[in-house]
Amino acid sequence: MDFFNFFFDNVGALFALAFVLFNLAAWVMRRVRQKREQERYGHYPPAVRAGRLNYEDYSKRRDG
């Protein structure tokens, strides 16, 4: 019963903690994805990285 009293007395703080932890996890996942994409596509131009232009077409345009 003591656990339930603790939960109901501190429900706002617990939700705030859960919110902060969720956002921290989302931020870490976003940073990891950005680093992975930077390693994979860092030397390509933005249109290729965004998927609007494939690399073969970019090479043809670049090389003339």
PDB file of N, CA and C in Angstrom:
ATOM      1  N   MET A   1       0.830  -1.204   0.000  1.00  0.00           N
ATOM      2  CA  MET A   1       0.000   0.000   0.000  1.00  0.00           C
ATOM      3  C   MET A   1       0.866   1.257   0.000  1.00  0.00           C
ATOM      4  N   ASP A   2       2.026   1.147   0.625  1.00  0.00           N
ATOM      5  CA  ASP A   2       2.910   2.301   0.697  1.00  0.00           C
ATOM      6  C   ASP A   2       3.371   2.727  -0.699  1.00  0.00           C
ATOM      7  N   PHE A   3       3.569   1.752  -1.581  1.00  0.00           N
ATOM      8  CA  PHE A   3       3.978   2.061  -2.948  1.00  0.00           C
ATOM      9  C   PHE A   3       2.910   2.884  -3.664  1.00  0.00           C
ATOM     10  N   PHE A   4       1.639   2.517  -3.483  1.00  0.00           N
ATOM     11  CA  PHE A   4       0.563   3.254  -4.146  1.00  0.00           C
ATOM     12  C   PHE A   4       0.461   4.670  -3.613  1.00  0.00           C
ATOM     13  N   ASN A   5       0.655   4.838  -2.304  1.00  0.00           N
ATOM     14  CA  ASN A   5       0.629   6.192  -1.750  1.00  0.00           C
ATOM     15  C   ASN A   5       1.758   7.028  -2.333  1.00  0.00           C
ATOM     16  N   PHE A   6       2.941   6.446  -2.454  1.00  0.00           N
ATOM     17  CA  PHE A   6       4.061   7.169  -3.051  1.00  0.00           C
ATOM     18  C   PHE A   6       3.738   7.559  -4.488  1.00  0.00           C
ATOM     19  N   PHE A   7       3.154   6.629  -5.252  1.00  0.00           N
ATOM     20  CA  PHE A   7       2.838   6.904  -6.650  1.00  0.00           C
ATOM     21  C   PHE A   7       1.822   8.033  -6.774  1.00  0.00           C
ATOM     22  N   PHE A   8       0.750   7.969  -5.985  1.00  0.00           N
ATOM     23  CA  PHE A   8      -0.293   8.983  -6.117  1.00  0.00           C
ATOM     24  C   PHE A   8       0.154  10.328  -5.578  1.00  0.00           C
ATOM     25  N   ASP A   9       1.053  10.339  -4.605  1.00  0.00           N
ATOM     26  CA  ASP A   9       1.548  11.615  -4.087  1.00  0.00           C
ATOM     27  C   ASP A   9       2.499  12.291  -5.074  1.00  0.00           C
ATOM     28  N   ASN A  10       3.179  11.500  -5.883  1.00  0.00           N
ATOM     29  CA  ASN A  10       4.222  12.052  -6.752  1.00  0.00           C
ATOM     30  C   ASN A  10       3.946  11.811  -8.230  1.00  0.00           C
ATOM     31  N   VAL A  11       2.674  11.685  -8.597  1.00  0.00           N
ATOM     32  CA  VAL A  11       2.355  11.320  -9.978  1.00  0.00           C
ATOM     33  C   VAL A  11       2.841  12.379 -10.972  1.00  0.00           C
ATOM     34  N   GLY A  12       2.768  13.643 -10.607  1.00  0.00           N
ATOM     35  CA  GLY A  12       3.246  14.698 -11.506  1.00  0.00           C
ATOM     36  C   GLY A  12       4.743  14.619 -11.739  1.00  0.00           C
ATOM     37  N   ALA A  13       5.482  14.408 -10.651  1.00  0.00           N
ATOM     38  CA  ALA A  13       6.937  14.304 -10.780  1.00  0.00           C
ATOM     39  C   ALA A  13       7.328  13.063 -11.579  1.00  0.00           C
ATOM     40  N   LEU A  14       6.611  11.970 -11.392  1.00  0.00           N
ATOM     41  CA  LEU A  14       6.928  10.749 -12.136  1.00  0.00           C
ATOM     42  C   LEU A  14       6.649  10.922 -13.626  1.00  0.00           C
ATOM     43  N   PHE A  15       5.548  11.597 -13.966  1.00  0.00           N
ATOM     44  CA  PHE A  15       5.266  11.849 -15.381  1.00  0.00           C
ATOM     45  C   PHE A  15       6.296  12.801 -15.983  1.00  0.00           C
ATOM     46  N   ALA A  16       6.716  13.798 -15.200  1.00  0.00           N
ATOM     47  CA  ALA A  16       7.751  14.706 -15.697  1.00  0.00           C
ATOM     48  C   ALA A  16       9.057  13.955 -15.941  1.00  0.00           C
ATOM     49  N   LEU A  17       9.409  13.055 -15.031  1.00  0.00           N
ATOM     50  CA  LEU A  17      10.617  12.255 -15.205  1.00  0.00           C
ATOM     51  C   LEU A  17      10.512  11.356 -16.437  1.00  0.00           C
ATOM     52  N   ALA A  18       9.352  10.739 -16.629  1.00  0.00           N
ATOM     53  CA  ALA A  18       9.153   9.890 -17.808  1.00  0.00           C
ATOM     54  C   ALA A  18       9.260  10.719 -19.089  1.00  0.00           C
ATOM     55  N   PHE A  19       8.704  11.931 -19.077  1.00  0.00           N
ATOM     56  CA  PHE A  19       8.768  12.820 -20.237  1.00  0.00           C
ATOM     57  C   PHE A  19      10.218  13.173 -20.568  1.00  0.00           C
ATOM     58  N   VAL A  20      10.988  13.520 -19.543  1.00  0.00           N
ATOM     59  CA  VAL A  20      12.392  13.883 -19.754  1.00  0.00           C
ATOM     60  C   VAL A  20      13.180  12.692 -20.285  1.00  0.00           C
ATOM     61  N   LEU A  21      12.972  11.520 -19.709  1.00  0.00           N
ATOM     62  CA  LEU A  21      13.707  10.336 -20.162  1.00  0.00           C
ATOM     63  C   LEU A  21      13.336   9.956 -21.594  1.00  0.00           C
ATOM     64  N   PHE A  22      12.055  10.086 -21.941  1.00  0.00           N
ATOM     65  CA  PHE A  22      11.622   9.781 -23.305  1.00  0.00           C
ATOM     66  C   PHE A  22      12.275  10.736 -24.303  1.00  0.00           C
ATOM     67  N   ASN A  23      12.293  12.027 -23.971  1.00  0.00           N
ATOM     68  CA  ASN A  23      12.903  12.998 -24.883  1.00  0.00           C
ATOM     69  C   ASN A  23      14.407  12.801 -24.991  1.00  0.00           C
ATOM     70  N   LEU A  24      15.038  12.416 -23.895  1.00  0.00           N
ATOM     71  CA  LEU A  24      16.467  12.134 -23.942  1.00  0.00           C
ATOM     72  C   LEU A  24      16.756  10.939 -24.848  1.00  0.00           C
ATOM     73  N   ALA A  25      15.950   9.901 -24.731  1.00  0.00           N
ATOM     74  CA  ALA A  25      16.133   8.727 -25.591  1.00  0.00           C
ATOM     75  C   ALA A  25      15.894   9.088 -27.056  1.00  0.00           C
ATOM     76  N   ALA A  26      14.887   9.905 -27.329  1.00  0.00           N
ATOM     77  CA  ALA A  26      14.614  10.316 -28.710  1.00  0.00           C
ATOM     78  C   ALA A  26      15.772  11.146 -29.262  1.00  0.00           C
ATOM     79  N   TRP A  27      16.336  12.023 -28.425  1.00  0.00           N
ATOM     80  CA  TRP A  27      17.461  12.842 -28.865  1.00  0.00           C
ATOM     81  C   TRP A  27      18.668  11.968 -29.187  1.00  0.00           C
ATOM     82  N   VAL A  28      18.954  10.994 -28.322  1.00  0.00           N
ATOM     83  CA  VAL A  28      20.094  10.104 -28.556  1.00  0.00           C
ATOM     84  C   VAL A  28      19.887   9.315 -29.842  1.00  0.00           C
ATOM     85  N   MET A  29      18.682   8.790 -30.058  1.00  0.00           N
ATOM     86  CA  MET A  29      18.417   8.024 -31.279  1.00  0.00           C
ATOM     87  C   MET A  29      18.569   8.900 -32.516  1.00  0.00           C
ATOM     88  N   ARG A  30      18.115  10.156 -32.428  1.00  0.00           N
ATOM     89  CA  ARG A  30      18.241  11.063 -33.565  1.00  0.00           C
ATOM     90  C   ARG A  30      19.712  11.361 -33.860  1.00  0.00           C
ATOM     91  N   ARG A  31      20.511  11.587 -32.807  1.00  0.00           N
ATOM     92  CA  ARG A  31      21.929  11.852 -33.007  1.00  0.00           C
ATOM     93  C   ARG A  31      22.649  10.646 -33.613  1.00  0.00           C
ATOM     94  N   VAL A  32      22.307   9.453 -33.148  1.00  0.00           N
ATOM     95  CA  VAL A  32      22.931   8.247 -33.693  1.00  0.00           C
ATOM     96  C   VAL A  32      22.587   8.097 -35.164  1.00  0.00           C
ATOM     97  N   ARG A  33      21.316   8.350 -35.518  1.00  0.00           N
ATOM     98  CA  ARG A  33      20.923   8.243 -36.924  1.00  0.00           C
ATOM     99  C   ARG A  33      21.645   9.295 -37.770  1.00  0.00           C
ATOM    100  N   GLN A  34      21.760  10.523 -37.240  1.00  0.00           N
ATOM    101  CA  GLN A  34      22.459  11.562 -37.992  1.00  0.00           C
ATOM    102  C   GLN A  34      23.924  11.207 -38.210  1.00  0.00           C
ATOM    103  N   LYS A  35      24.563  10.669 -37.183  1.00  0.00           N
ATOM    104  CA  LYS A  35      25.972  10.287 -37.325  1.00  0.00           C
ATOM    105  C   LYS A  35      26.121   9.163 -38.341  1.00  0.00           C
ATOM    106  N   ARG A  36      25.220   8.182 -38.308  1.00  0.00           N
ATOM    107  CA  ARG A  36      25.285   7.067 -39.245  1.00  0.00           C
ATOM    108  C   ARG A  36      25.074   7.562 -40.672  1.00  0.00           C
ATOM    109  N   GLU A  37      24.104   8.461 -40.868  1.00  0.00           N
ATOM    110  CA  GLU A  37      23.872   9.002 -42.210  1.00  0.00           C
ATOM    111  C   GLU A  37      25.046   9.860 -42.662  1.00  0.00           C
ATOM    112  N   GLN A  38      25.662  10.567 -41.731  1.00  0.00           N
ATOM    113  CA  GLN A  38      26.820  11.383 -42.095  1.00  0.00           C
ATOM    114  C   GLN A  38      27.976  10.497 -42.540  1.00  0.00           C
ATOM    115  N   GLU A  39      28.173   9.376 -41.836  1.00  0.00           N
ATOM    116  CA  GLU A  39      29.227   8.453 -42.249  1.00  0.00           C
ATOM    117  C   GLU A  39      28.923   7.851 -43.615  1.00  0.00           C
ATOM    118  N   ARG A  40      27.654   7.555 -43.873  1.00  0.00           N
ATOM    119  CA  ARG A  40      27.289   6.856 -45.101  1.00  0.00           C
ATOM    120  C   ARG A  40      27.202   7.806 -46.289  1.00  0.00           C
ATOM    121  N   TYR A  41      26.608   8.992 -46.086  1.00  0.00           N
ATOM    122  CA  TYR A  41      26.318   9.894 -47.208  1.00  0.00           C
ATOM    123  C   TYR A  41      27.003  11.252 -47.084  1.00  0.00           C
ATOM    124  N   GLY A  42      27.993  11.365 -46.234  1.00  0.00           N
ATOM    125  CA  GLY A  42      28.557  12.676 -45.940  1.00  0.00           C
ATOM    126  C   GLY A  42      29.186  13.368 -47.131  1.00  0.00           C
ATOM    127  N   HIS A  43      29.735  12.604 -48.073  1.00  0.00           N
ATOM    128  CA  HIS A  43      30.426  13.218 -49.198  1.00  0.00           C
ATOM    129  C   HIS A  43      29.505  13.423 -50.389  1.00  0.00           C
ATOM    130  N   TYR A  44      28.227  13.079 -50.251  1.00  0.00           N
ATOM    131  CA  TYR A  44      27.273  13.295 -51.334  1.00  0.00           C
ATOM    132  C   TYR A  44      26.603  14.661 -51.163  1.00  0.00           C
ATOM    133  N   PRO A  45      26.119  15.259 -52.251  1.00  0.00           N
ATOM    134  CA  PRO A  45      25.411  16.534 -52.123  1.00  0.00           C
ATOM    135  C   PRO A  45      24.038  16.338 -51.473  1.00  0.00           C
ATOM    136  N   PRO A  46      23.421  17.420 -50.997  1.00  0.00           N
ATOM    137  CA  PRO A  46      22.161  17.300 -50.255  1.00  0.00           C
ATOM    138  C   PRO A  46      21.037  16.634 -51.025  1.00  0.00           C
ATOM    139  N   ALA A  47      20.935  16.856 -52.335  1.00  0.00           N
ATOM    140  CA  ALA A  47      19.833  16.246 -53.092  1.00  0.00           C
ATOM    141  C   ALA A  47      19.968  14.728 -53.131  1.00  0.00           C
ATOM    142  N   VAL A  48      21.199  14.235 -53.183  1.00  0.00           N
ATOM    143  CA  VAL A  48      21.411  12.787 -53.177  1.00  0.00           C
ATOM    144  C   VAL A  48      21.100  12.240 -51.791  1.00  0.00           C
ATOM    145  N   ARG A  49      21.550  12.965 -50.754  1.00  0.00           N
ATOM    146  CA  ARG A  49      21.296  12.519 -49.388  1.00  0.00           C
ATOM    147  C   ARG A  49      19.805  12.479 -49.088  1.00  0.00           C
ATOM    148  N   ALA A  50      19.046  13.432 -49.641  1.00  0.00           N
ATOM    149  CA  ALA A  50      17.605  13.496 -49.374  1.00  0.00           C
ATOM    150  C   ALA A  50      16.817  12.504 -50.217  1.00  0.00           C
ATOM    151  N   GLY A  51      17.452  11.900 -51.210  1.00  0.00           N
ATOM    152  CA  GLY A  51      16.761  10.928 -52.035  1.00  0.00           C
ATOM    153  C   GLY A  51      16.049  11.523 -53.232  1.00  0.00           C
ATOM    154  N   ARG A  52      16.224  12.821 -53.469  1.00  0.00           N
ATOM    155  CA  ARG A  52      15.578  13.446 -54.628  1.00  0.00           C
ATOM    156  C   ARG A  52      16.334  13.160 -55.923  1.00  0.00           C
ATOM    157  N   LEU A  53      17.584  12.744 -55.813  1.00  0.00           N
ATOM    158  CA  LEU A  53      18.431  12.538 -56.984  1.00  0.00           C
ATOM    159  C   LEU A  53      19.301  11.321 -56.696  1.00  0.00           C
ATOM    160  N   ASN A  54      19.315  10.359 -57.619  1.00  0.00           N
ATOM    161  CA  ASN A  54      20.175   9.207 -57.340  1.00  0.00           C
ATOM    162  C   ASN A  54      21.607   9.511 -57.772  1.00  0.00           C
ATOM    163  N   TYR A  55      22.522   8.732 -57.255  1.00  0.00           N
ATOM    164  CA  TYR A  55      23.933   9.071 -57.407  1.00  0.00           C
ATOM    165  C   TYR A  55      24.400   8.975 -58.851  1.00  0.00           C
ATOM    166  N   GLU A  56      23.809   8.069 -59.623  1.00  0.00           N
ATOM    167  CA  GLU A  56      24.220   7.943 -61.024  1.00  0.00           C
ATOM    168  C   GLU A  56      23.870   9.210 -61.810  1.00  0.00           C
ATOM    169  N   ASP A  57      22.645   9.724 -61.599  1.00  0.00           N
ATOM    170  CA  ASP A  57      22.270  10.972 -62.279  1.00  0.00           C
ATOM    171  C   ASP A  57      23.157  12.130 -61.831  1.00  0.00           C
ATOM    172  N   TYR A  58      23.469  12.155 -60.548  1.00  0.00           N
ATOM    173  CA  TYR A  58      24.351  13.204 -60.045  1.00  0.00           C
ATOM    174  C   TYR A  58      25.725  13.116 -60.713  1.00  0.00           C
ATOM    175  N   SER A  59      26.240  11.893 -60.866  1.00  0.00           N
ATOM    176  CA  SER A  59      27.553  11.722 -61.500  1.00  0.00           C
ATOM    177  C   SER A  59      27.526  12.186 -62.949  1.00  0.00           C
ATOM    178  N   LYS A  60      26.421  11.871 -63.664  1.00  0.00           N
ATOM    179  CA  LYS A  60      26.308  12.317 -65.061  1.00  0.00           C
ATOM    180  C   LYS A  60      26.268  13.840 -65.142  1.00  0.00           C
ATOM    181  N   ARG A  61      25.501  14.461 -64.246  1.00  0.00           N
ATOM    182  CA  ARG A  61      25.429  15.922 -64.248  1.00  0.00           C
ATOM    183  C   ARG A  61      26.777  16.536 -63.918  1.00  0.00           C
ATOM    184  N   ARG A  62      27.455  15.948 -62.932  1.00  0.00           N
ATOM    185  CA  ARG A  62      28.730  16.500 -62.487  1.00  0.00           C
ATOM    186  C   ARG A  62      29.797  16.354 -63.561  1.00  0.00           C
ATOM    187  N   ASP A  63      29.825  15.187 -64.201  1.00  0.00           N
ATOM    188  CA  ASP A  63      30.893  14.915 -65.163  1.00  0.00           C
ATOM    189  C   ASP A  63      30.573  15.408 -66.576  1.00  0.00           C
ATOM    190  N   GLY A  64      29.330  15.794 -66.788  1.00  0.00           N
ATOM    191  CA  GLY A  64      28.965  16.387 -68.061  1.00  0.00           C
ATOM    192  C   GLY A  64      28.543  15.463 -69.129  1.00  0.00           C
TER     193      GLY A  64
END
